[in-house]
Amino acid sequence: MPRPCGRGIFFERKLDTIEAVPTPMRSQDMRPLSVRRTFSWLIFLAAALTAIGLFFIPAYVILPFHRQTAAALTLAMDLRERAPRGTLTAAVICLVFGFILWPPSDLWRKIVLSAVLLLVAFSTVMARLNYFEWMFHPVDSAKFDAEAASKLDKEEMILALRFGDDARAYPISEMAYHHVLNDVVDGVPVAVTY
């Protein structure tokens, strides 16, 4: 049956089958995709910050020559204890969401994804190593200069030790990196620590 229209007459006809006709996307159709992508980025970045923080916070707090409070050290040691499992969980989440975010991303986002994934992988590996031992390894055989030949500044702080006629001075600037020095003073084995 003909149906009048503003410009002419159109005929309706019933079809036995329905064909899907592609229609152009409207901006409201794209909103859910954009929200999902934003949500994926937020999860990816939250997991990445967790992994990176679990490694870098303890490493920063326990640096030599850095003021440390009891609360900061407690936090650092608690994070250090949880870091192996926490970084692995966060790394898996980052990997999954990085895989999801990779295809629709442009070049700059792919560079950001790659850099963040690299930092997460580094943090995950480092959380399993005792990097404090690298910083604070004991000195087994120290070399000493006579007082007259010493090149220490007058303001340099030292640890001093005397047994009998033998005296030693250990510069704090050197001890802070090693924390422990094994020595023998007047035949007595000592462990000097700072």
C-alpha atoms as a PDB file:
ATOM      1  CA  MET A   1       0.000   0.000   0.000  1.00  0.00           C
ATOM      2  CA  PRO A   2       1.463   3.368  -0.923  1.00  0.00           C
ATOM      3  CA  ARG A   3       2.403   5.753   1.840  1.00  0.00           C
ATOM      4  CA  PRO A   4       2.594   9.482   1.100  1.00  0.00           C
ATOM      5  CA  CYS A   5       5.784  11.313   1.892  1.00  0.00           C
ATOM      6  CA  GLY A   6       6.848  14.925   1.499  1.00  0.00           C
ATOM      7  CA  ARG A   7       8.681  14.334  -1.780  1.00  0.00           C
ATOM      8  CA  GLY A   8       6.783  11.509  -3.330  1.00  0.00           C
ATOM      9  CA  ILE A   9       5.092   8.202  -2.761  1.00  0.00           C
ATOM     10  CA  PHE A  10       6.929   5.255  -1.256  1.00  0.00           C
ATOM     11  CA  PHE A  11       5.781   1.705  -1.205  1.00  0.00           C
ATOM     12  CA  GLU A  12       6.060  -0.528   1.837  1.00  0.00           C
ATOM     13  CA  ARG A  13       6.648  -4.154   1.453  1.00  0.00           C
ATOM     14  CA  LYS A  14       7.159  -6.862   4.001  1.00  0.00           C
ATOM     15  CA  LEU A  15      10.305  -8.915   3.724  1.00  0.00           C
ATOM     16  CA  ASP A  16      10.545 -12.557   4.612  1.00  0.00           C
ATOM     17  CA  THR A  17      14.049 -12.031   5.993  1.00  0.00           C
ATOM     18  CA  ILE A  18      15.523  -9.125   7.859  1.00  0.00           C
ATOM     19  CA  GLU A  19      18.848  -7.813   6.667  1.00  0.00           C
ATOM     20  CA  ALA A  20      21.207  -6.021   8.990  1.00  0.00           C
ATOM     21  CA  VAL A  21      22.126  -2.685   7.526  1.00  0.00           C
ATOM     22  CA  PRO A  22      25.180  -0.967   8.991  1.00  0.00           C
ATOM     23  CA  THR A  23      24.394   2.411  10.437  1.00  0.00           C
ATOM     24  CA  PRO A  24      26.878   5.113  11.233  1.00  0.00           C
ATOM     25  CA  MET A  25      27.954   5.243  14.904  1.00  0.00           C
ATOM     26  CA  ARG A  26      26.630   8.102  16.928  1.00  0.00           C
ATOM     27  CA  SER A  27      28.660   9.684  19.702  1.00  0.00           C
ATOM     28  CA  GLN A  28      26.442   8.147  22.416  1.00  0.00           C
ATOM     29  CA  ASP A  29      27.213   4.663  20.969  1.00  0.00           C
ATOM     30  CA  MET A  30      30.941   5.287  21.530  1.00  0.00           C
ATOM     31  CA  ARG A  31      30.586   6.279  25.181  1.00  0.00           C
ATOM     32  CA  PRO A  32      30.643   2.746  26.643  1.00  0.00           C
ATOM     33  CA  LEU A  33      33.786   1.891  24.654  1.00  0.00           C
ATOM     34  CA  SER A  34      35.497   5.060  25.866  1.00  0.00           C
ATOM     35  CA  VAL A  35      34.495   4.383  29.482  1.00  0.00           C
ATOM     36  CA  ARG A  36      35.797   0.824  29.255  1.00  0.00           C
ATOM     37  CA  ARG A  37      39.086   2.014  27.778  1.00  0.00           C
ATOM     38  CA  THR A  38      39.471   4.661  30.505  1.00  0.00           C
ATOM     39  CA  PHE A  39      38.646   2.062  33.164  1.00  0.00           C
ATOM     40  CA  SER A  40      41.239  -0.315  31.646  1.00  0.00           C
ATOM     41  CA  TRP A  41      43.877   2.430  31.717  1.00  0.00           C
ATOM     42  CA  LEU A  42      43.065   3.193  35.365  1.00  0.00           C
ATOM     43  CA  ILE A  43      43.410  -0.459  36.385  1.00  0.00           C
ATOM     44  CA  PHE A  44      46.645  -0.770  34.385  1.00  0.00           C
ATOM     45  CA  LEU A  45      48.154   2.358  35.973  1.00  0.00           C
ATOM     46  CA  ALA A  46      47.009   1.438  39.512  1.00  0.00           C
ATOM     47  CA  ALA A  47      48.595  -2.007  39.213  1.00  0.00           C
ATOM     48  CA  ALA A  48      51.759  -0.479  37.750  1.00  0.00           C
ATOM     49  CA  LEU A  49      52.060   2.060  40.588  1.00  0.00           C
ATOM     50  CA  THR A  50      51.564  -0.741  43.096  1.00  0.00           C
ATOM     51  CA  ALA A  51      54.353  -2.864  41.599  1.00  0.00           C
ATOM     52  CA  ILE A  52      56.740   0.067  41.222  1.00  0.00           C
ATOM     53  CA  GLY A  53      55.958   1.392  44.714  1.00  0.00           C
ATOM     54  CA  LEU A  54      56.504  -1.994  46.362  1.00  0.00           C
ATOM     55  CA  PHE A  55      60.089  -1.903  45.113  1.00  0.00           C
ATOM     56  CA  PHE A  56      61.015   1.785  45.103  1.00  0.00           C
ATOM     57  CA  ILE A  57      59.542   2.892  48.463  1.00  0.00           C
ATOM     58  CA  PRO A  58      61.653   0.493  50.580  1.00  0.00           C
ATOM     59  CA  ALA A  59      64.721   1.166  48.414  1.00  0.00           C
ATOM     60  CA  TYR A  60      64.312   4.924  48.890  1.00  0.00           C
ATOM     61  CA  VAL A  61      63.583   4.815  52.627  1.00  0.00           C
ATOM     62  CA  ILE A  62      66.633   2.671  53.416  1.00  0.00           C
ATOM     63  CA  LEU A  63      69.141   4.674  51.335  1.00  0.00           C
ATOM     64  CA  PRO A  64      72.375   5.610  53.108  1.00  0.00           C
ATOM     65  CA  PHE A  65      72.712   9.216  54.349  1.00  0.00           C
ATOM     66  CA  HIS A  66      68.946   9.568  54.339  1.00  0.00           C
ATOM     67  CA  ARG A  67      67.062  10.472  57.505  1.00  0.00           C
ATOM     68  CA  GLN A  68      64.995   7.493  58.599  1.00  0.00           C
ATOM     69  CA  THR A  69      62.248   7.462  61.195  1.00  0.00           C
ATOM     70  CA  ALA A  70      60.977   4.387  62.990  1.00  0.00           C
ATOM     71  CA  ALA A  71      57.618   4.659  61.199  1.00  0.00           C
ATOM     72  CA  ALA A  72      59.276   4.948  57.767  1.00  0.00           C
ATOM     73  CA  LEU A  73      61.525   1.949  58.451  1.00  0.00           C
ATOM     74  CA  THR A  74      58.551  -0.104  59.666  1.00  0.00           C
ATOM     75  CA  LEU A  75      56.635   0.796  56.500  1.00  0.00           C
ATOM     76  CA  ALA A  76      59.653  -0.029  54.313  1.00  0.00           C
ATOM     77  CA  MET A  77      60.167  -3.421  55.939  1.00  0.00           C
ATOM     78  CA  ASP A  78      56.433  -4.265  55.727  1.00  0.00           C
ATOM     79  CA  LEU A  79      56.381  -3.361  52.037  1.00  0.00           C
ATOM     80  CA  ARG A  80      59.609  -5.282  51.466  1.00  0.00           C
ATOM     81  CA  GLU A  81      58.015  -8.386  53.000  1.00  0.00           C
ATOM     82  CA  ARG A  82      54.923  -8.114  50.784  1.00  0.00           C
ATOM     83  CA  ALA A  83      56.799  -7.076  47.636  1.00  0.00           C
ATOM     84  CA  PRO A  84      57.499 -10.496  46.043  1.00  0.00           C
ATOM     85  CA  ARG A  85      53.849 -11.576  45.964  1.00  0.00           C
ATOM     86  CA  GLY A  86      52.458  -8.063  45.436  1.00  0.00           C
ATOM     87  CA  THR A  87      54.697  -7.189  42.490  1.00  0.00           C
ATOM     88  CA  LEU A  88      53.953 -10.513  40.795  1.00  0.00           C
ATOM     89  CA  THR A  89      50.185 -10.008  41.137  1.00  0.00           C
ATOM     90  CA  ALA A  90      50.432  -6.417  39.909  1.00  0.00           C
ATOM     91  CA  ALA A  91      52.675  -7.477  36.999  1.00  0.00           C
ATOM     92  CA  VAL A  92      50.145 -10.085  35.837  1.00  0.00           C
ATOM     93  CA  ILE A  93      47.350  -7.473  35.976  1.00  0.00           C
ATOM     94  CA  CYS A  94      49.518  -5.012  34.028  1.00  0.00           C
ATOM     95  CA  LEU A  95      50.324  -7.631  31.423  1.00  0.00           C
ATOM     96  CA  VAL A  96      46.650  -8.547  30.906  1.00  0.00           C
ATOM     97  CA  PHE A  97      45.486  -4.935  30.646  1.00  0.00           C
ATOM     98  CA  GLY A  98      48.527  -3.985  28.567  1.00  0.00           C
ATOM     99  CA  PHE A  99      47.510  -6.724  26.107  1.00  0.00           C
ATOM    100  CA  ILE A 100      43.931  -5.351  26.048  1.00  0.00           C
ATOM    101  CA  LEU A 101      45.054  -1.739  25.594  1.00  0.00           C
ATOM    102  CA  TRP A 102      47.744  -2.398  22.969  1.00  0.00           C
ATOM    103  CA  PRO A 103      45.710  -2.827  19.718  1.00  0.00           C
ATOM    104  CA  PRO A 104      43.600   0.355  19.866  1.00  0.00           C
ATOM    105  CA  SER A 105      46.467   2.535  21.118  1.00  0.00           C
ATOM    106  CA  ASP A 106      48.376   5.020  18.997  1.00  0.00           C
ATOM    107  CA  LEU A 107      52.194   5.162  18.904  1.00  0.00           C
ATOM    108  CA  TRP A 108      52.625   7.373  21.999  1.00  0.00           C
ATOM    109  CA  ARG A 109      50.331   5.230  24.118  1.00  0.00           C
ATOM    110  CA  LYS A 110      52.219   2.133  23.009  1.00  0.00           C
ATOM    111  CA  ILE A 111      55.476   3.807  24.078  1.00  0.00           C
ATOM    112  CA  VAL A 112      53.929   4.611  27.488  1.00  0.00           C
ATOM    113  CA  LEU A 113      52.631   1.032  27.804  1.00  0.00           C
ATOM    114  CA  SER A 114      56.062  -0.375  26.934  1.00  0.00           C
ATOM    115  CA  ALA A 115      57.917   1.916  29.355  1.00  0.00           C
ATOM    116  CA  VAL A 116      55.533   1.198  32.213  1.00  0.00           C
ATOM    117  CA  LEU A 117      55.643  -2.560  31.560  1.00  0.00           C
ATOM    118  CA  LEU A 118      59.452  -2.393  31.581  1.00  0.00           C
ATOM    119  CA  LEU A 119      59.443  -0.597  34.958  1.00  0.00           C
ATOM    120  CA  VAL A 120      56.949  -3.121  36.335  1.00  0.00           C
ATOM    121  CA  ALA A 121      59.112  -6.037  35.153  1.00  0.00           C
ATOM    122  CA  PHE A 122      62.217  -4.408  36.693  1.00  0.00           C
ATOM    123  CA  SER A 123      60.373  -3.867  39.999  1.00  0.00           C
ATOM    124  CA  THR A 124      59.074  -7.441  39.995  1.00  0.00           C
ATOM    125  CA  VAL A 125      62.578  -8.867  39.534  1.00  0.00           C
ATOM    126  CA  MET A 126      64.227  -6.487  42.031  1.00  0.00           C
ATOM    127  CA  ALA A 127      61.619  -7.273  44.700  1.00  0.00           C
ATOM    128  CA  ARG A 128      62.973 -10.824  44.753  1.00  0.00           C
ATOM    129  CA  LEU A 129      66.624  -9.813  45.201  1.00  0.00           C
ATOM    130  CA  ASN A 130      68.386  -8.622  48.337  1.00  0.00           C
ATOM    131  CA  TYR A 131      69.572  -5.295  46.942  1.00  0.00           C
ATOM    132  CA  PHE A 132      70.283  -4.025  50.468  1.00  0.00           C
ATOM    133  CA  GLU A 133      73.159  -6.478  50.625  1.00  0.00           C
ATOM    134  CA  TRP A 134      74.624  -4.848  47.509  1.00  0.00           C
ATOM    135  CA  MET A 135      74.536  -1.458  49.219  1.00  0.00           C
ATOM    136  CA  PHE A 136      75.542  -2.567  52.701  1.00  0.00           C
ATOM    137  CA  HIS A 137      78.054  -5.351  52.217  1.00  0.00           C
ATOM    138  CA  PRO A 138      80.627  -5.691  55.003  1.00  0.00           C
ATOM    139  CA  VAL A 139      84.240  -4.704  54.425  1.00  0.00           C
ATOM    140  CA  ASP A 140      86.493  -7.667  55.225  1.00  0.00           C
ATOM    141  CA  SER A 141      89.928  -6.111  54.854  1.00  0.00           C
ATOM    142  CA  ALA A 142      90.102  -2.359  55.233  1.00  0.00           C
ATOM    143  CA  LYS A 143      93.241  -0.367  54.446  1.00  0.00           C
ATOM    144  CA  PHE A 144      94.317   2.314  56.871  1.00  0.00           C
ATOM    145  CA  ASP A 145      96.493   5.417  56.573  1.00  0.00           C
ATOM    146  CA  ALA A 146      98.568   6.952  59.328  1.00  0.00           C
ATOM    147  CA  GLU A 147      96.979   9.973  60.979  1.00  0.00           C
ATOM    148  CA  ALA A 148      99.522  12.311  59.356  1.00  0.00           C
ATOM    149  CA  ALA A 149      98.813  10.872  55.859  1.00  0.00           C
ATOM    150  CA  SER A 150      95.043  10.981  56.280  1.00  0.00           C
ATOM    151  CA  LYS A 151      93.126  13.168  53.838  1.00  0.00           C
ATOM    152  CA  LEU A 152      90.016  13.472  55.964  1.00  0.00           C
ATOM    153  CA  ASP A 153      88.390  16.857  56.286  1.00  0.00           C
ATOM    154  CA  LYS A 154      88.525  18.402  59.775  1.00  0.00           C
ATOM    155  CA  GLU A 155      84.718  18.292  59.928  1.00  0.00           C
ATOM    156  CA  GLU A 156      84.545  14.594  58.969  1.00  0.00           C
ATOM    157  CA  MET A 157      82.743  12.472  61.557  1.00  0.00           C
ATOM    158  CA  ILE A 158      84.489   9.248  62.578  1.00  0.00           C
ATOM    159  CA  LEU A 159      83.994   6.189  64.736  1.00  0.00           C
ATOM    160  CA  ALA A 160      87.055   5.764  66.956  1.00  0.00           C
ATOM    161  CA  LEU A 161      88.273   2.575  68.621  1.00  0.00           C
ATOM    162  CA  ARG A 162      91.320   1.956  70.833  1.00  0.00           C
ATOM    163  CA  PHE A 163      92.645  -1.268  72.321  1.00  0.00           C
ATOM    164  CA  GLY A 164      95.989  -0.992  74.079  1.00  0.00           C
ATOM    165  CA  ASP A 165      98.412   0.895  71.862  1.00  0.00           C
ATOM    166  CA  ASP A 166      96.386   0.357  68.677  1.00  0.00           C
ATOM    167  CA  ALA A 167      93.780   2.963  67.659  1.00  0.00           C
ATOM    168  CA  ARG A 168      91.590   3.139  64.586  1.00  0.00           C
ATOM    169  CA  ALA A 169      89.297   5.767  63.075  1.00  0.00           C
ATOM    170  CA  TYR A 170      86.498   4.751  60.719  1.00  0.00           C
ATOM    171  CA  PRO A 171      84.966   7.586  58.625  1.00  0.00           C
ATOM    172  CA  ILE A 172      81.180   7.715  58.906  1.00  0.00           C
ATOM    173  CA  SER A 173      80.960   8.557  55.192  1.00  0.00           C
ATOM    174  CA  GLU A 174      82.446   5.133  54.377  1.00  0.00           C
ATOM    175  CA  MET A 175      80.675   3.223  57.141  1.00  0.00           C
ATOM    176  CA  ALA A 176      77.254   4.437  56.009  1.00  0.00           C
ATOM    177  CA  TYR A 177      77.557   2.494  52.768  1.00  0.00           C
ATOM    178  CA  HIS A 178      78.844  -0.714  54.323  1.00  0.00           C
ATOM    179  CA  HIS A 179      77.401  -0.603  57.861  1.00  0.00           C
ATOM    180  CA  VAL A 180      79.773  -3.367  58.988  1.00  0.00           C
ATOM    181  CA  LEU A 181      83.547  -3.597  58.938  1.00  0.00           C
ATOM    182  CA  ASN A 182      85.478  -6.620  60.218  1.00  0.00           C
ATOM    183  CA  ASP A 183      88.818  -5.615  61.718  1.00  0.00           C
ATOM    184  CA  VAL A 184      91.500  -6.693  64.178  1.00  0.00           C
ATOM    185  CA  VAL A 185      92.619  -4.048  66.682  1.00  0.00           C
ATOM    186  CA  ASP A 186      95.604  -4.929  68.918  1.00  0.00           C
ATOM    187  CA  GLY A 187      95.015  -8.615  68.165  1.00  0.00           C
ATOM    188  CA  VAL A 188      91.317  -8.467  69.075  1.00  0.00           C
ATOM    189  CA  PRO A 189      88.811  -9.263  66.283  1.00  0.00           C
ATOM    190  CA  VAL A 190      86.067  -6.630  66.154  1.00  0.00           C
ATOM    191  CA  ALA A 191      82.991  -5.934  64.051  1.00  0.00           C
ATOM    192  CA  VAL A 192      82.581  -2.177  63.686  1.00  0.00           C
ATOM    193  CA  THR A 193      79.083  -1.119  62.719  1.00  0.00           C
ATOM    194  CA  TYR A 194      77.199   2.091  62.082  1.00  0.00           C
END
